[in-house]
Amino acid sequence: MLNHITIMGRLTRDPELRTTQAGVSVTSFTVAVDRDFGGRDGGEKQTDFIDCVAWRSTGEFVSKYFHKGSMIVVSGRLQSRKWQDRDGNNRTSWEVNADNVYFGESRRDSDSNRSYGDNRADSYSNNYSSNSSNYGGYDAGRAAAPAPSNTFVDLDDGDGELPF
């Protein structure tokens, strides 16, 4: 069986970082995700507000580098949580348990969309993510690769016969 979900949207508020009694970091946040289609009459697109939770280093990463309005990509699994409200009614909540979190926009885009002076994301790289095993495959050598040369060399075609 497979339970995998990937969503992309904007944070509706700043992520909330908490610590359990055992000292484990957990961050809660909500992502606003636009649907790919409009209403029945072709009108305005609808938006879903999806609750997410990220644990340990992934949660710390979200809390440190994302803020309200940030574009975020969340990959994980969908899970339900059963609970009782104040009146004793049984309730069920659905949330995405984030395994990996990625930046959904470039640094330039996020800086120009920012309407207040919060500089928490100033030190991140476009290729950096919360994947705890390799941080999204960030490779410093790839970032510093030389630009391709615009000089071409004419090859001698010999007798004009193609080799194939």
N, C-alpha and C. Protein backbone atom coordinates (compact mmCIF):
# COMPACT_ATOMS: atom_id res chain seq x y z
N MET A 1 0.84 -1.18 0.00
CA MET A 1 0.00 0.00 0.00
C MET A 1 0.89 1.24 0.00
N LEU A 2 0.34 2.33 -0.50
CA LEU A 2 1.12 3.54 -0.66
C LEU A 2 0.38 4.72 -0.06
N ASN A 3 1.04 5.47 0.75
CA ASN A 3 0.49 6.71 1.32
C ASN A 3 1.56 7.78 1.15
N HIS A 4 1.48 8.50 0.04
CA HIS A 4 2.45 9.56 -0.25
C HIS A 4 1.71 10.76 -0.81
N ILE A 5 2.05 11.93 -0.31
CA ILE A 5 1.40 13.16 -0.77
C ILE A 5 2.47 14.23 -0.94
N THR A 6 2.33 15.02 -2.00
CA THR A 6 3.20 16.17 -2.23
C THR A 6 2.30 17.36 -2.53
N ILE A 7 2.49 18.43 -1.79
CA ILE A 7 1.71 19.64 -2.00
C ILE A 7 2.65 20.82 -2.16
N MET A 8 2.16 21.85 -2.84
CA MET A 8 2.92 23.09 -3.01
C MET A 8 1.97 24.25 -2.82
N GLY A 9 2.35 25.18 -1.98
CA GLY A 9 1.52 26.34 -1.72
C GLY A 9 2.25 27.33 -0.84
N ARG A 10 1.49 28.27 -0.29
CA ARG A 10 2.08 29.32 0.55
C ARG A 10 1.64 29.13 2.00
N LEU A 11 2.57 29.45 2.91
CA LEU A 11 2.25 29.37 4.33
C LEU A 11 1.24 30.45 4.70
N THR A 12 0.24 30.07 5.49
CA THR A 12 -0.80 31.02 5.89
C THR A 12 -0.40 31.84 7.11
N ARG A 13 0.60 31.35 7.84
CA ARG A 13 1.11 32.04 9.03
C ARG A 13 2.53 31.55 9.29
N ASP A 14 3.22 32.20 10.19
CA ASP A 14 4.57 31.73 10.54
C ASP A 14 4.47 30.35 11.18
N PRO A 15 5.42 29.46 10.86
CA PRO A 15 5.42 28.12 11.47
C PRO A 15 5.57 28.22 12.99
N GLU A 16 4.95 27.29 13.69
CA GLU A 16 4.98 27.28 15.15
C GLU A 16 5.85 26.12 15.64
N LEU A 17 7.02 26.43 16.18
CA LEU A 17 7.96 25.42 16.68
C LEU A 17 7.70 25.18 18.16
N ARG A 18 7.53 23.91 18.51
CA ARG A 18 7.35 23.50 19.91
C ARG A 18 8.32 22.35 20.20
N THR A 19 8.44 22.02 21.46
CA THR A 19 9.27 20.89 21.87
C THR A 19 8.44 19.99 22.77
N THR A 20 8.48 18.68 22.51
CA THR A 20 7.75 17.74 23.35
C THR A 20 8.44 17.61 24.70
N GLN A 21 7.79 16.92 25.64
CA GLN A 21 8.40 16.72 26.96
C GLN A 21 9.68 15.89 26.85
N ALA A 22 9.78 15.08 25.80
CA ALA A 22 10.98 14.27 25.59
C ALA A 22 12.08 15.06 24.88
N GLY A 23 11.83 16.33 24.55
CA GLY A 23 12.83 17.18 23.92
C GLY A 23 12.87 17.09 22.40
N VAL A 24 11.81 16.54 21.78
CA VAL A 24 11.76 16.40 20.33
C VAL A 24 11.09 17.65 19.73
N SER A 25 11.72 18.24 18.72
CA SER A 25 11.17 19.42 18.06
C SER A 25 10.04 19.02 17.13
N VAL A 26 8.97 19.82 17.13
CA VAL A 26 7.85 19.60 16.22
C VAL A 26 7.33 20.97 15.78
N THR A 27 7.10 21.12 14.48
CA THR A 27 6.63 22.38 13.93
C THR A 27 5.30 22.16 13.23
N SER A 28 4.33 23.01 13.51
CA SER A 28 3.02 22.96 12.86
C SER A 28 2.90 24.17 11.94
N PHE A 29 2.29 23.94 10.77
CA PHE A 29 2.06 25.03 9.83
C PHE A 29 0.93 24.65 8.90
N THR A 30 0.35 25.65 8.25
CA THR A 30 -0.75 25.43 7.32
C THR A 30 -0.35 25.97 5.95
N VAL A 31 -0.63 25.17 4.91
CA VAL A 31 -0.28 25.54 3.55
C VAL A 31 -1.57 25.79 2.76
N ALA A 32 -1.66 26.95 2.11
CA ALA A 32 -2.77 27.27 1.23
C ALA A 32 -2.42 26.78 -0.17
N VAL A 33 -3.22 25.84 -0.69
CA VAL A 33 -2.96 25.21 -1.98
C VAL A 33 -4.11 25.50 -2.92
N ASP A 34 -3.82 26.16 -4.05
CA ASP A 34 -4.85 26.42 -5.05
C ASP A 34 -5.17 25.15 -5.82
N ARG A 35 -6.44 24.95 -6.12
CA ARG A 35 -6.84 23.83 -6.96
C ARG A 35 -6.52 24.16 -8.41
N ASP A 36 -6.32 23.12 -9.22
CA ASP A 36 -5.94 23.32 -10.62
C ASP A 36 -7.08 23.78 -11.50
N PHE A 37 -8.29 23.75 -10.99
CA PHE A 37 -9.44 24.10 -11.81
C PHE A 37 -10.33 25.09 -11.07
N GLY A 38 -11.15 25.81 -11.82
CA GLY A 38 -12.07 26.77 -11.23
C GLY A 38 -13.34 26.08 -10.77
N GLY A 39 -14.31 26.85 -10.37
CA GLY A 39 -15.60 26.31 -9.95
C GLY A 39 -16.35 25.69 -11.12
N ARG A 40 -17.53 25.21 -10.85
CA ARG A 40 -18.34 24.55 -11.89
C ARG A 40 -18.63 25.48 -13.06
N ASP A 41 -18.79 26.75 -12.78
CA ASP A 41 -19.08 27.71 -13.84
C ASP A 41 -17.81 28.29 -14.46
N GLY A 42 -16.65 27.68 -14.17
CA GLY A 42 -15.38 28.17 -14.72
C GLY A 42 -14.89 29.42 -14.02
N GLY A 43 -15.44 29.69 -12.86
CA GLY A 43 -15.09 30.92 -12.13
C GLY A 43 -13.79 30.81 -11.38
N GLU A 44 -13.74 31.48 -10.26
CA GLU A 44 -12.54 31.61 -9.46
C GLU A 44 -12.09 30.26 -8.90
N LYS A 45 -10.76 30.04 -8.90
CA LYS A 45 -10.20 28.82 -8.34
C LYS A 45 -10.42 28.80 -6.83
N GLN A 46 -10.59 27.60 -6.29
CA GLN A 46 -10.74 27.45 -4.85
C GLN A 46 -9.41 27.10 -4.22
N THR A 47 -9.30 27.38 -2.95
CA THR A 47 -8.06 27.12 -2.21
C THR A 47 -8.35 26.17 -1.06
N ASP A 48 -7.47 25.18 -0.90
CA ASP A 48 -7.55 24.27 0.24
C ASP A 48 -6.49 24.68 1.25
N PHE A 49 -6.82 24.60 2.53
CA PHE A 49 -5.89 24.94 3.60
C PHE A 49 -5.54 23.64 4.30
N ILE A 50 -4.28 23.21 4.13
CA ILE A 50 -3.86 21.89 4.57
C ILE A 50 -2.91 22.03 5.75
N ASP A 51 -3.29 21.40 6.87
CA ASP A 51 -2.45 21.41 8.06
C ASP A 51 -1.30 20.43 7.87
N CYS A 52 -0.10 20.84 8.32
CA CYS A 52 1.10 20.01 8.19
C CYS A 52 1.83 20.00 9.52
N VAL A 53 2.59 18.93 9.74
CA VAL A 53 3.44 18.82 10.92
C VAL A 53 4.78 18.25 10.47
N ALA A 54 5.87 18.82 11.00
CA ALA A 54 7.23 18.36 10.68
C ALA A 54 7.97 18.13 11.99
N TRP A 55 8.65 17.02 12.08
CA TRP A 55 9.33 16.62 13.30
C TRP A 55 10.84 16.78 13.19
N ARG A 56 11.48 16.92 14.33
CA ARG A 56 12.94 16.94 14.49
C ARG A 56 13.61 17.98 13.59
N SER A 57 14.65 17.58 12.85
CA SER A 57 15.43 18.55 12.07
C SER A 57 14.61 19.16 10.94
N THR A 58 13.65 18.40 10.39
CA THR A 58 12.79 18.97 9.34
C THR A 58 11.94 20.09 9.92
N GLY A 59 11.41 19.89 11.12
CA GLY A 59 10.63 20.93 11.78
C GLY A 59 11.45 22.17 12.11
N GLU A 60 12.69 21.95 12.56
CA GLU A 60 13.57 23.08 12.85
C GLU A 60 13.91 23.85 11.58
N PHE A 61 14.11 23.12 10.48
CA PHE A 61 14.40 23.73 9.18
C PHE A 61 13.24 24.63 8.74
N VAL A 62 12.01 24.12 8.84
CA VAL A 62 10.83 24.91 8.45
C VAL A 62 10.73 26.17 9.31
N SER A 63 10.90 26.01 10.60
CA SER A 63 10.80 27.14 11.52
C SER A 63 11.86 28.21 11.24
N LYS A 64 13.05 27.78 10.84
CA LYS A 64 14.15 28.71 10.65
C LYS A 64 14.08 29.46 9.32
N TYR A 65 13.68 28.78 8.22
CA TYR A 65 13.81 29.36 6.89
C TYR A 65 12.50 29.77 6.22
N PHE A 66 11.36 29.46 6.80
CA PHE A 66 10.09 29.80 6.18
C PHE A 66 9.30 30.75 7.07
N HIS A 67 8.46 31.56 6.45
CA HIS A 67 7.63 32.52 7.17
C HIS A 67 6.30 32.65 6.44
N LYS A 68 5.39 33.39 7.00
CA LYS A 68 4.09 33.60 6.38
C LYS A 68 4.28 34.10 4.94
N GLY A 69 3.59 33.46 4.00
CA GLY A 69 3.66 33.85 2.60
C GLY A 69 4.71 33.11 1.79
N SER A 70 5.62 32.38 2.44
CA SER A 70 6.66 31.63 1.71
C SER A 70 6.03 30.52 0.89
N MET A 71 6.55 30.33 -0.32
CA MET A 71 6.14 29.19 -1.15
C MET A 71 6.91 27.97 -0.65
N ILE A 72 6.19 26.88 -0.40
CA ILE A 72 6.79 25.69 0.19
C ILE A 72 6.29 24.45 -0.54
N VAL A 73 7.15 23.46 -0.66
CA VAL A 73 6.78 22.15 -1.21
C VAL A 73 6.96 21.16 -0.07
N VAL A 74 5.89 20.42 0.23
CA VAL A 74 5.90 19.46 1.33
C VAL A 74 5.65 18.07 0.76
N SER A 75 6.50 17.14 1.10
CA SER A 75 6.35 15.76 0.68
C SER A 75 6.30 14.89 1.93
N GLY A 76 5.30 14.02 2.01
CA GLY A 76 5.17 13.18 3.20
C GLY A 76 4.01 12.24 3.07
N ARG A 77 3.34 11.99 4.20
CA ARG A 77 2.20 11.08 4.19
C ARG A 77 1.00 11.74 4.87
N LEU A 78 -0.17 11.37 4.41
CA LEU A 78 -1.42 11.89 4.97
C LEU A 78 -1.81 11.01 6.14
N GLN A 79 -2.16 11.65 7.27
CA GLN A 79 -2.56 10.86 8.43
C GLN A 79 -3.76 11.52 9.11
N SER A 80 -4.54 10.69 9.76
CA SER A 80 -5.70 11.19 10.51
C SER A 80 -5.39 11.13 12.00
N ARG A 81 -6.04 12.02 12.71
CA ARG A 81 -5.89 12.07 14.16
C ARG A 81 -7.29 12.19 14.76
N LYS A 82 -7.65 11.28 15.63
CA LYS A 82 -8.97 11.30 16.27
C LYS A 82 -8.86 11.96 17.64
N TRP A 83 -9.86 12.79 17.99
CA TRP A 83 -9.84 13.49 19.26
C TRP A 83 -11.27 13.84 19.66
N GLN A 84 -11.45 14.29 20.89
CA GLN A 84 -12.77 14.71 21.37
C GLN A 84 -12.75 16.20 21.66
N ASP A 85 -13.83 16.87 21.24
CA ASP A 85 -13.93 18.30 21.51
C ASP A 85 -14.44 18.52 22.94
N ARG A 86 -14.64 19.77 23.33
CA ARG A 86 -15.06 20.12 24.68
C ARG A 86 -16.41 19.53 25.06
N ASP A 87 -17.26 19.32 24.04
CA ASP A 87 -18.59 18.77 24.30
C ASP A 87 -18.60 17.25 24.28
N GLY A 88 -17.46 16.62 24.10
CA GLY A 88 -17.37 15.17 24.10
C GLY A 88 -17.65 14.53 22.75
N ASN A 89 -17.79 15.36 21.70
CA ASN A 89 -18.03 14.82 20.35
C ASN A 89 -16.71 14.31 19.76
N ASN A 90 -16.78 13.17 19.09
CA ASN A 90 -15.61 12.62 18.42
C ASN A 90 -15.33 13.41 17.15
N ARG A 91 -14.08 13.78 16.96
CA ARG A 91 -13.65 14.54 15.79
C ARG A 91 -12.46 13.84 15.13
N THR A 92 -12.29 14.12 13.86
CA THR A 92 -11.14 13.61 13.12
C THR A 92 -10.49 14.76 12.38
N SER A 93 -9.18 14.87 12.51
CA SER A 93 -8.41 15.88 11.79
C SER A 93 -7.45 15.16 10.85
N TRP A 94 -7.26 15.75 9.68
CA TRP A 94 -6.31 15.21 8.70
C TRP A 94 -5.16 16.18 8.57
N GLU A 95 -3.94 15.64 8.48
CA GLU A 95 -2.76 16.48 8.33
C GLU A 95 -1.69 15.74 7.55
N VAL A 96 -0.77 16.50 6.97
CA VAL A 96 0.36 15.93 6.27
C VAL A 96 1.52 15.85 7.25
N ASN A 97 2.07 14.65 7.42
CA ASN A 97 3.26 14.46 8.22
C ASN A 97 4.44 14.58 7.27
N ALA A 98 5.16 15.70 7.34
CA ALA A 98 6.20 16.04 6.36
C ALA A 98 7.46 15.21 6.56
N ASP A 99 7.88 14.53 5.51
CA ASP A 99 9.17 13.84 5.50
C ASP A 99 10.26 14.74 4.92
N ASN A 100 9.91 15.48 3.85
CA ASN A 100 10.85 16.38 3.18
C ASN A 100 10.14 17.69 2.89
N VAL A 101 10.89 18.78 3.01
CA VAL A 101 10.37 20.11 2.75
C VAL A 101 11.37 20.83 1.85
N TYR A 102 10.86 21.53 0.83
CA TYR A 102 11.72 22.20 -0.13
C TYR A 102 11.24 23.64 -0.34
N PHE A 103 12.14 24.50 -0.78
CA PHE A 103 11.76 25.85 -1.15
C PHE A 103 10.97 25.79 -2.45
N GLY A 104 9.87 26.51 -2.52
CA GLY A 104 9.02 26.51 -3.71
C GLY A 104 9.29 27.66 -4.65
N GLU A 105 10.22 28.53 -4.30
CA GLU A 105 10.57 29.68 -5.14
C GLU A 105 12.03 30.02 -4.91
N SER A 106 12.58 30.77 -5.84
CA SER A 106 13.98 31.15 -5.68
C SER A 106 14.11 32.22 -4.60
N ARG A 107 15.30 32.40 -4.14
CA ARG A 107 15.54 33.41 -3.11
C ARG A 107 15.15 34.79 -3.59
N ARG A 108 15.51 35.12 -4.84
CA ARG A 108 15.16 36.42 -5.41
C ARG A 108 13.66 36.66 -5.36
N ASP A 109 12.88 35.64 -5.76
CA ASP A 109 11.42 35.77 -5.77
C ASP A 109 10.88 35.98 -4.37
N SER A 110 11.38 35.20 -3.42
CA SER A 110 10.85 35.31 -2.07
C SER A 110 11.21 36.64 -1.44
N ASP A 111 12.40 37.17 -1.74
CA ASP A 111 12.78 38.46 -1.19
C ASP A 111 11.94 39.59 -1.76
N SER A 112 11.60 39.53 -3.05
CA SER A 112 10.82 40.60 -3.64
C SER A 112 9.35 40.54 -3.21
N ASN A 113 8.86 39.34 -2.82
CA ASN A 113 7.48 39.21 -2.37
C ASN A 113 7.32 39.53 -0.90
N ARG A 114 8.42 39.65 -0.18
CA ARG A 114 8.36 39.86 1.25
C ARG A 114 7.95 41.30 1.54
N SER A 115 6.96 41.45 2.41
CA SER A 115 6.46 42.80 2.67
C SER A 115 6.94 43.35 4.00
N TYR A 116 7.77 42.59 4.71
CA TYR A 116 8.29 43.10 5.96
C TYR A 116 9.75 42.69 6.09
N GLY A 117 10.46 43.26 7.06
CA GLY A 117 11.90 43.14 7.13
C GLY A 117 12.41 41.91 7.84
N ASP A 118 11.79 40.76 7.69
CA ASP A 118 12.25 39.54 8.32
C ASP A 118 13.34 38.92 7.45
N ASN A 119 14.55 38.80 7.97
CA ASN A 119 15.68 38.32 7.18
C ASN A 119 16.11 36.92 7.56
N ARG A 120 15.22 36.09 8.10
CA ARG A 120 15.61 34.75 8.53
C ARG A 120 16.10 33.89 7.38
N ALA A 121 15.64 34.11 6.18
CA ALA A 121 15.99 33.23 5.06
C ALA A 121 17.20 33.73 4.27
N ASP A 122 17.91 34.72 4.79
CA ASP A 122 19.02 35.30 4.03
C ASP A 122 20.16 34.33 3.76
N SER A 123 20.29 33.28 4.54
CA SER A 123 21.46 32.42 4.38
C SER A 123 21.17 31.13 3.62
N TYR A 124 20.01 30.97 3.06
CA TYR A 124 19.75 29.69 2.39
C TYR A 124 20.14 29.72 0.93
N SER A 125 20.34 28.54 0.38
CA SER A 125 20.67 28.38 -1.03
C SER A 125 19.45 27.86 -1.76
N ASN A 126 19.31 28.15 -3.04
CA ASN A 126 18.16 27.68 -3.81
C ASN A 126 18.07 26.17 -3.86
N ASN A 127 19.17 25.46 -3.72
CA ASN A 127 19.18 24.01 -3.82
C ASN A 127 19.09 23.31 -2.47
N TYR A 128 18.94 24.02 -1.38
CA TYR A 128 18.97 23.46 -0.04
C TYR A 128 17.57 23.05 0.36
N SER A 129 17.41 21.88 0.93
CA SER A 129 16.10 21.43 1.41
C SER A 129 16.29 20.74 2.74
N SER A 130 15.20 20.24 3.32
CA SER A 130 15.28 19.63 4.63
C SER A 130 15.52 18.14 4.57
N ASN A 131 15.75 17.56 3.42
CA ASN A 131 16.00 16.14 3.33
C ASN A 131 17.21 15.83 4.19
N SER A 132 17.01 15.16 5.33
CA SER A 132 18.07 15.01 6.30
C SER A 132 19.24 14.16 5.82
N SER A 133 19.04 13.36 4.76
CA SER A 133 20.14 12.53 4.31
C SER A 133 21.13 13.29 3.44
N ASN A 134 20.65 14.22 2.59
CA ASN A 134 21.61 14.93 1.73
C ASN A 134 21.21 16.37 1.45
N TYR A 135 20.27 16.88 2.16
CA TYR A 135 19.82 18.26 2.00
C TYR A 135 19.56 18.62 0.55
N GLY A 136 18.76 17.78 -0.10
CA GLY A 136 18.29 18.09 -1.44
C GLY A 136 19.35 17.96 -2.50
N GLY A 137 20.45 17.29 -2.21
CA GLY A 137 21.48 17.10 -3.21
C GLY A 137 22.27 18.35 -3.49
N TYR A 138 22.36 19.25 -2.57
CA TYR A 138 23.12 20.49 -2.79
C TYR A 138 24.57 20.14 -3.05
N ASP A 139 25.12 20.69 -4.08
CA ASP A 139 26.50 20.42 -4.47
C ASP A 139 27.19 21.75 -4.73
N ALA A 140 28.12 22.11 -3.85
CA ALA A 140 28.79 23.40 -3.99
C ALA A 140 29.55 23.50 -5.30
N GLY A 141 30.09 22.37 -5.78
CA GLY A 141 30.81 22.38 -7.05
C GLY A 141 29.90 22.71 -8.21
N ARG A 142 28.65 22.23 -8.17
CA ARG A 142 27.71 22.51 -9.23
C ARG A 142 27.36 23.99 -9.26
N ALA A 143 27.28 24.59 -8.10
CA ALA A 143 26.92 26.00 -8.04
C ALA A 143 28.01 26.89 -8.63
N ALA A 144 29.26 26.40 -8.61
CA ALA A 144 30.37 27.21 -9.07
C ALA A 144 30.88 26.77 -10.45
N ALA A 145 30.07 26.04 -11.21
CA ALA A 145 30.50 25.53 -12.51
C ALA A 145 30.77 26.69 -13.46
N PRO A 146 31.80 26.57 -14.31
CA PRO A 146 32.11 27.66 -15.24
C PRO A 146 31.05 27.79 -16.32
N ALA A 147 30.91 28.98 -16.85
CA ALA A 147 29.95 29.22 -17.92
C ALA A 147 30.45 28.54 -19.20
N PRO A 148 29.54 28.04 -20.04
CA PRO A 148 29.97 27.39 -21.27
C PRO A 148 30.65 28.38 -22.21
N SER A 149 31.60 27.89 -22.97
CA SER A 149 32.34 28.72 -23.90
C SER A 149 31.53 28.94 -25.18
N ASN A 150 31.65 30.10 -25.77
CA ASN A 150 30.94 30.42 -27.01
C ASN A 150 31.83 30.27 -28.23
N THR A 151 33.00 29.64 -28.09
CA THR A 151 33.88 29.45 -29.24
C THR A 151 33.71 28.03 -29.77
N PHE A 152 33.58 27.92 -31.07
CA PHE A 152 33.41 26.63 -31.72
C PHE A 152 34.60 26.39 -32.64
N VAL A 153 34.93 25.14 -32.83
CA VAL A 153 36.04 24.76 -33.69
C VAL A 153 35.46 24.00 -34.87
N ASP A 154 35.83 24.41 -36.10
CA ASP A 154 35.40 23.68 -37.29
C ASP A 154 36.22 22.40 -37.41
N LEU A 155 35.52 21.31 -37.63
CA LEU A 155 36.19 20.04 -37.81
C LEU A 155 36.38 19.76 -39.29
N ASP A 156 37.51 19.15 -39.62
CA ASP A 156 37.77 18.78 -41.00
C ASP A 156 36.93 17.56 -41.34
N ASP A 157 36.11 17.68 -42.39
CA ASP A 157 35.20 16.58 -42.74
C ASP A 157 35.88 15.52 -43.61
N GLY A 158 37.15 15.66 -43.83
CA GLY A 158 37.90 14.67 -44.57
C GLY A 158 37.38 14.53 -45.99
N ASP A 159 36.92 13.35 -46.36
CA ASP A 159 36.49 13.09 -47.72
C ASP A 159 35.00 13.40 -47.93
N GLY A 160 34.33 13.88 -46.91
CA GLY A 160 32.92 14.22 -47.03
C GLY A 160 31.99 13.05 -46.76
N GLU A 161 32.53 11.86 -46.50
CA GLU A 161 31.73 10.69 -46.19
C GLU A 161 31.37 10.71 -44.70
N LEU A 162 30.14 10.40 -44.43
CA LEU A 162 29.72 10.32 -43.02
C LEU A 162 30.07 8.95 -42.47
N PRO A 163 30.47 8.87 -41.23
CA PRO A 163 30.91 7.60 -40.66
C PRO A 163 29.77 6.68 -40.25
N PHE A 164 28.57 7.04 -40.52
CA PHE A 164 27.45 6.17 -40.12
C PHE A 164 26.43 6.00 -41.19
